[in-house]
């Protein structure tokens, strides 16, 4: 009798922002790094996308690549893709939006609300009455990318802890 592979009980996580070149690929890289550090790669399927189409096929913003590299994370291999309203909600357990606008957009496109979460709601340091949005650093300077990295690191750590890992 041939050996049967163990059942896959992977949790699939999709990080979503507007263009998929700043926040969501950085979140994907950070979360992947945390999962790898905890030796949990086999437990997860991780991806990112944007609600907009402008950057499809492009690598992350050079400033995202730089801040990731400063933190020993390589995201140079990632390429932007657009959120697919039919396939992504079926393919992923969690749809993790970077801000309220993107969360509303994917819900308006038919994503089940119970799957849509804001990334900063997993940040244990988020103070009450503080916006759970991760600001888009695209039009700002390099320091905005460092700030976003720090926010995402806390939130991704909180997400991984929340998922029981």
C-alpha atoms as a PDB file:
ATOM      1  CA  UNK A   1       0.000   0.000   0.000  1.00  0.00           C
ATOM      2  CA  UNK A   2       1.577   3.343  -1.030  1.00  0.00           C
ATOM      3  CA  UNK A   3       2.206   5.988   1.553  1.00  0.00           C
ATOM      4  CA  UNK A   4      -0.400   8.694   1.439  1.00  0.00           C
ATOM      5  CA  UNK A   5       0.751  12.243   2.050  1.00  0.00           C
ATOM      6  CA  UNK A   6      -0.480  13.864   5.228  1.00  0.00           C
ATOM      7  CA  UNK A   7      -3.472  16.135   4.784  1.00  0.00           C
ATOM      8  CA  UNK A   8      -2.597  19.752   4.175  1.00  0.00           C
ATOM      9  CA  UNK A   9      -3.922  21.958   6.892  1.00  0.00           C
ATOM     10  CA  UNK A  10      -2.340  25.114   5.580  1.00  0.00           C
ATOM     11  CA  UNK A  11      -3.681  28.506   6.503  1.00  0.00           C
ATOM     12  CA  UNK A  12      -3.725  30.709   3.431  1.00  0.00           C
ATOM     13  CA  UNK A  13      -3.155  34.428   3.968  1.00  0.00           C
ATOM     14  CA  UNK A  14      -3.483  37.166   1.340  1.00  0.00           C
ATOM     15  CA  UNK A  15      -2.151  40.654   2.139  1.00  0.00           C
ATOM     16  CA  UNK A  16      -3.938  43.414   0.197  1.00  0.00           C
ATOM     17  CA  UNK A  17      -3.171  47.065  -0.484  1.00  0.00           C
ATOM     18  CA  UNK A  18      -3.823  49.435  -3.376  1.00  0.00           C
ATOM     19  CA  UNK A  19      -1.015  48.800  -5.856  1.00  0.00           C
ATOM     20  CA  UNK A  20       0.836  45.791  -4.394  1.00  0.00           C
ATOM     21  CA  UNK A  21       4.230  47.491  -4.517  1.00  0.00           C
ATOM     22  CA  UNK A  22       4.631  49.045  -1.040  1.00  0.00           C
ATOM     23  CA  UNK A  23       2.645  47.780   1.936  1.00  0.00           C
ATOM     24  CA  UNK A  24       1.311  44.365   0.938  1.00  0.00           C
ATOM     25  CA  UNK A  25       4.560  42.929  -0.479  1.00  0.00           C
ATOM     26  CA  UNK A  26       6.345  44.200   2.617  1.00  0.00           C
ATOM     27  CA  UNK A  27       3.710  42.500   4.806  1.00  0.00           C
ATOM     28  CA  UNK A  28       4.080  39.312   2.750  1.00  0.00           C
ATOM     29  CA  UNK A  29       7.847  39.389   3.206  1.00  0.00           C
ATOM     30  CA  UNK A  30       7.663  40.104   6.933  1.00  0.00           C
ATOM     31  CA  UNK A  31       5.042  37.413   7.576  1.00  0.00           C
ATOM     32  CA  UNK A  32       6.952  34.875   5.475  1.00  0.00           C
ATOM     33  CA  UNK A  33      10.122  35.681   7.423  1.00  0.00           C
ATOM     34  CA  UNK A  34       8.353  35.208  10.766  1.00  0.00           C
ATOM     35  CA  UNK A  35       6.821  31.919   9.597  1.00  0.00           C
ATOM     36  CA  UNK A  36      10.250  30.719   8.445  1.00  0.00           C
ATOM     37  CA  UNK A  37      11.896  31.740  11.735  1.00  0.00           C
ATOM     38  CA  UNK A  38       9.337  29.659  13.626  1.00  0.00           C
ATOM     39  CA  UNK A  39       9.815  26.718  11.223  1.00  0.00           C
ATOM     40  CA  UNK A  40       6.165  26.845  10.168  1.00  0.00           C
ATOM     41  CA  UNK A  41       6.546  27.177   6.403  1.00  0.00           C
ATOM     42  CA  UNK A  42       4.563  23.983   5.826  1.00  0.00           C
ATOM     43  CA  UNK A  43       1.596  25.487   7.737  1.00  0.00           C
ATOM     44  CA  UNK A  44       1.063  28.513   5.510  1.00  0.00           C
ATOM     45  CA  UNK A  45       0.441  29.710   1.994  1.00  0.00           C
ATOM     46  CA  UNK A  46       1.207  33.434   1.779  1.00  0.00           C
ATOM     47  CA  UNK A  47       0.644  35.921  -1.036  1.00  0.00           C
ATOM     48  CA  UNK A  48      -0.107  39.586  -1.646  1.00  0.00           C
ATOM     49  CA  UNK A  49      -1.991  41.645  -4.202  1.00  0.00           C
ATOM     50  CA  UNK A  50      -3.423  45.069  -4.912  1.00  0.00           C
ATOM     51  CA  UNK A  51      -6.932  46.228  -5.629  1.00  0.00           C
ATOM     52  CA  UNK A  52      -5.608  48.393  -8.476  1.00  0.00           C
ATOM     53  CA  UNK A  53      -4.079  47.260 -11.749  1.00  0.00           C
ATOM     54  CA  UNK A  54      -1.434  49.966 -12.308  1.00  0.00           C
ATOM     55  CA  UNK A  55       1.629  47.997 -11.208  1.00  0.00           C
ATOM     56  CA  UNK A  56       0.744  44.434 -12.290  1.00  0.00           C
ATOM     57  CA  UNK A  57       3.927  42.522 -13.080  1.00  0.00           C
ATOM     58  CA  UNK A  58       6.229  45.091 -11.461  1.00  0.00           C
ATOM     59  CA  UNK A  59       8.571  44.410  -8.553  1.00  0.00           C
ATOM     60  CA  UNK A  60       7.972  46.113  -5.209  1.00  0.00           C
ATOM     61  CA  UNK A  61       8.834  49.792  -4.845  1.00  0.00           C
ATOM     62  CA  UNK A  62      12.620  50.183  -4.423  1.00  0.00           C
ATOM     63  CA  UNK A  63      12.014  51.750  -0.998  1.00  0.00           C
ATOM     64  CA  UNK A  64      10.074  48.661   0.132  1.00  0.00           C
ATOM     65  CA  UNK A  65      12.884  46.466  -1.162  1.00  0.00           C
ATOM     66  CA  UNK A  66      15.419  48.610   0.717  1.00  0.00           C
ATOM     67  CA  UNK A  67      13.606  48.595   4.066  1.00  0.00           C
ATOM     68  CA  UNK A  68      13.023  44.851   3.747  1.00  0.00           C
ATOM     69  CA  UNK A  69      16.711  44.260   2.986  1.00  0.00           C
ATOM     70  CA  UNK A  70      17.727  46.413   5.978  1.00  0.00           C
ATOM     71  CA  UNK A  71      15.729  43.922   8.053  1.00  0.00           C
ATOM     72  CA  UNK A  72      17.170  40.804   6.373  1.00  0.00           C
ATOM     73  CA  UNK A  73      14.117  40.133   4.213  1.00  0.00           C
ATOM     74  CA  UNK A  74      14.295  39.613   0.455  1.00  0.00           C
ATOM     75  CA  UNK A  75      11.215  40.671  -1.508  1.00  0.00           C
ATOM     76  CA  UNK A  76      12.967  41.276  -4.847  1.00  0.00           C
ATOM     77  CA  UNK A  77      11.367  38.154  -6.352  1.00  0.00           C
ATOM     78  CA  UNK A  78       7.792  39.350  -5.726  1.00  0.00           C
ATOM     79  CA  UNK A  79       5.695  40.766  -8.557  1.00  0.00           C
ATOM     80  CA  UNK A  80       2.555  42.841  -8.236  1.00  0.00           C
ATOM     81  CA  UNK A  81      -0.741  41.271  -9.120  1.00  0.00           C
ATOM     82  CA  UNK A  82      -4.312  42.475  -8.950  1.00  0.00           C
ATOM     83  CA  UNK A  83      -6.890  41.098  -6.534  1.00  0.00           C
ATOM     84  CA  UNK A  84      -9.158  38.576  -8.265  1.00  0.00           C
ATOM     85  CA  UNK A  85     -12.698  38.937  -6.852  1.00  0.00           C
ATOM     86  CA  UNK A  86     -13.787  35.428  -7.840  1.00  0.00           C
ATOM     87  CA  UNK A  87     -10.663  33.353  -7.120  1.00  0.00           C
ATOM     88  CA  UNK A  88      -8.981  35.037  -4.152  1.00  0.00           C
ATOM     89  CA  UNK A  89     -11.880  34.824  -1.659  1.00  0.00           C
ATOM     90  CA  UNK A  90     -12.219  31.119  -2.483  1.00  0.00           C
ATOM     91  CA  UNK A  91      -8.468  30.448  -2.397  1.00  0.00           C
ATOM     92  CA  UNK A  92      -7.540  32.229   0.832  1.00  0.00           C
ATOM     93  CA  UNK A  93      -8.670  31.773   4.418  1.00  0.00           C
ATOM     94  CA  UNK A  94      -7.763  35.324   5.407  1.00  0.00           C
ATOM     95  CA  UNK A  95      -7.905  38.486   3.326  1.00  0.00           C
ATOM     96  CA  UNK A  96      -5.713  40.925   5.253  1.00  0.00           C
ATOM     97  CA  UNK A  97      -6.230  44.529   4.135  1.00  0.00           C
ATOM     98  CA  UNK A  98      -3.758  47.305   4.875  1.00  0.00           C
ATOM     99  CA  UNK A  99      -6.501  49.886   5.367  1.00  0.00           C
ATOM    100  CA  UNK A 100     -10.242  50.423   5.564  1.00  0.00           C
ATOM    101  CA  UNK A 101     -10.502  51.611   1.960  1.00  0.00           C
ATOM    102  CA  UNK A 102      -9.058  48.377   0.564  1.00  0.00           C
ATOM    103  CA  UNK A 103     -11.137  46.294   2.971  1.00  0.00           C
ATOM    104  CA  UNK A 104     -14.299  48.048   1.762  1.00  0.00           C
ATOM    105  CA  UNK A 105     -13.247  47.630  -1.872  1.00  0.00           C
ATOM    106  CA  UNK A 106     -12.861  43.859  -1.632  1.00  0.00           C
ATOM    107  CA  UNK A 107     -16.070  43.511   0.371  1.00  0.00           C
ATOM    108  CA  UNK A 108     -17.836  45.550  -2.322  1.00  0.00           C
ATOM    109  CA  UNK A 109     -16.387  43.079  -4.845  1.00  0.00           C
ATOM    110  CA  UNK A 110     -18.046  40.213  -2.953  1.00  0.00           C
ATOM    111  CA  UNK A 111     -15.418  39.031  -0.450  1.00  0.00           C
ATOM    112  CA  UNK A 112     -17.016  37.374   2.585  1.00  0.00           C
ATOM    113  CA  UNK A 113     -16.775  39.867   5.447  1.00  0.00           C
ATOM    114  CA  UNK A 114     -15.708  37.190   7.939  1.00  0.00           C
ATOM    115  CA  UNK A 115     -12.509  36.627   5.928  1.00  0.00           C
ATOM    116  CA  UNK A 116     -11.581  40.324   5.677  1.00  0.00           C
ATOM    117  CA  UNK A 117      -9.393  41.651   8.485  1.00  0.00           C
ATOM    118  CA  UNK A 118      -7.365  44.819   8.946  1.00  0.00           C
ATOM    119  CA  UNK A 119      -3.705  44.015   9.574  1.00  0.00           C
ATOM    120  CA  UNK A 120      -3.255  46.474  12.432  1.00  0.00           C
ATOM    121  CA  UNK A 121      -6.074  44.905  14.432  1.00  0.00           C
ATOM    122  CA  UNK A 122      -3.467  42.228  15.216  1.00  0.00           C
ATOM    123  CA  UNK A 123      -0.967  44.816  16.529  1.00  0.00           C
ATOM    124  CA  UNK A 124      -0.901  44.389  20.320  1.00  0.00           C
ATOM    125  CA  UNK A 125       0.398  47.965  20.712  1.00  0.00           C
ATOM    126  CA  UNK A 126      -2.459  49.583  18.778  1.00  0.00           C
ATOM    127  CA  UNK A 127      -4.066  52.063  21.127  1.00  0.00           C
ATOM    128  CA  UNK A 128      -7.815  52.483  21.444  1.00  0.00           C
ATOM    129  CA  UNK A 129      -9.274  55.171  19.191  1.00  0.00           C
ATOM    130  CA  UNK A 130      -6.284  54.886  16.836  1.00  0.00           C
ATOM    131  CA  UNK A 131      -6.894  54.245  13.162  1.00  0.00           C
ATOM    132  CA  UNK A 132      -6.128  50.648  12.256  1.00  0.00           C
ATOM    133  CA  UNK A 133      -4.942  51.761   8.807  1.00  0.00           C
ATOM    134  CA  UNK A 134      -1.358  51.287   7.654  1.00  0.00           C
ATOM    135  CA  UNK A 135      -0.552  54.568   5.877  1.00  0.00           C
ATOM    136  CA  UNK A 136       0.505  54.338   2.241  1.00  0.00           C
ATOM    137  CA  UNK A 137       4.158  55.480   2.141  1.00  0.00           C
ATOM    138  CA  UNK A 138       4.279  55.767  -1.673  1.00  0.00           C
ATOM    139  CA  UNK A 139       4.205  59.563  -1.902  1.00  0.00           C
ATOM    140  CA  UNK A 140       6.363  60.187   1.159  1.00  0.00           C
ATOM    141  CA  UNK A 141      10.029  59.826   1.942  1.00  0.00           C
ATOM    142  CA  UNK A 142      12.125  56.868   2.991  1.00  0.00           C
ATOM    143  CA  UNK A 143      11.261  57.292   6.674  1.00  0.00           C
ATOM    144  CA  UNK A 144       7.630  56.446   5.874  1.00  0.00           C
ATOM    145  CA  UNK A 145       8.739  53.019   4.698  1.00  0.00           C
ATOM    146  CA  UNK A 146      10.651  52.441   7.930  1.00  0.00           C
ATOM    147  CA  UNK A 147       7.553  53.459   9.908  1.00  0.00           C
ATOM    148  CA  UNK A 148       5.346  51.123   7.858  1.00  0.00           C
ATOM    149  CA  UNK A 149       7.839  48.276   8.312  1.00  0.00           C
ATOM    150  CA  UNK A 150       7.709  48.692  12.089  1.00  0.00           C
ATOM    151  CA  UNK A 151       3.889  48.752  12.075  1.00  0.00           C
ATOM    152  CA  UNK A 152       3.734  45.664   9.886  1.00  0.00           C
ATOM    153  CA  UNK A 153       6.284  43.774  11.965  1.00  0.00           C
ATOM    154  CA  UNK A 154       4.189  44.248  15.117  1.00  0.00           C
ATOM    155  CA  UNK A 155       0.959  43.411  13.285  1.00  0.00           C
ATOM    156  CA  UNK A 156       2.352  40.349  11.472  1.00  0.00           C
ATOM    157  CA  UNK A 157       3.817  39.033  14.735  1.00  0.00           C
ATOM    158  CA  UNK A 158       0.415  39.547  16.352  1.00  0.00           C
ATOM    159  CA  UNK A 159      -1.320  37.796  13.445  1.00  0.00           C
ATOM    160  CA  UNK A 160       0.981  34.785  13.696  1.00  0.00           C
ATOM    161  CA  UNK A 161       0.445  34.644  17.464  1.00  0.00           C
ATOM    162  CA  UNK A 162      -3.322  34.975  16.925  1.00  0.00           C
ATOM    163  CA  UNK A 163      -3.243  32.006  14.579  1.00  0.00           C
ATOM    164  CA  UNK A 164      -1.738  29.933  17.376  1.00  0.00           C
ATOM    165  CA  UNK A 165       1.785  29.712  16.092  1.00  0.00           C
END
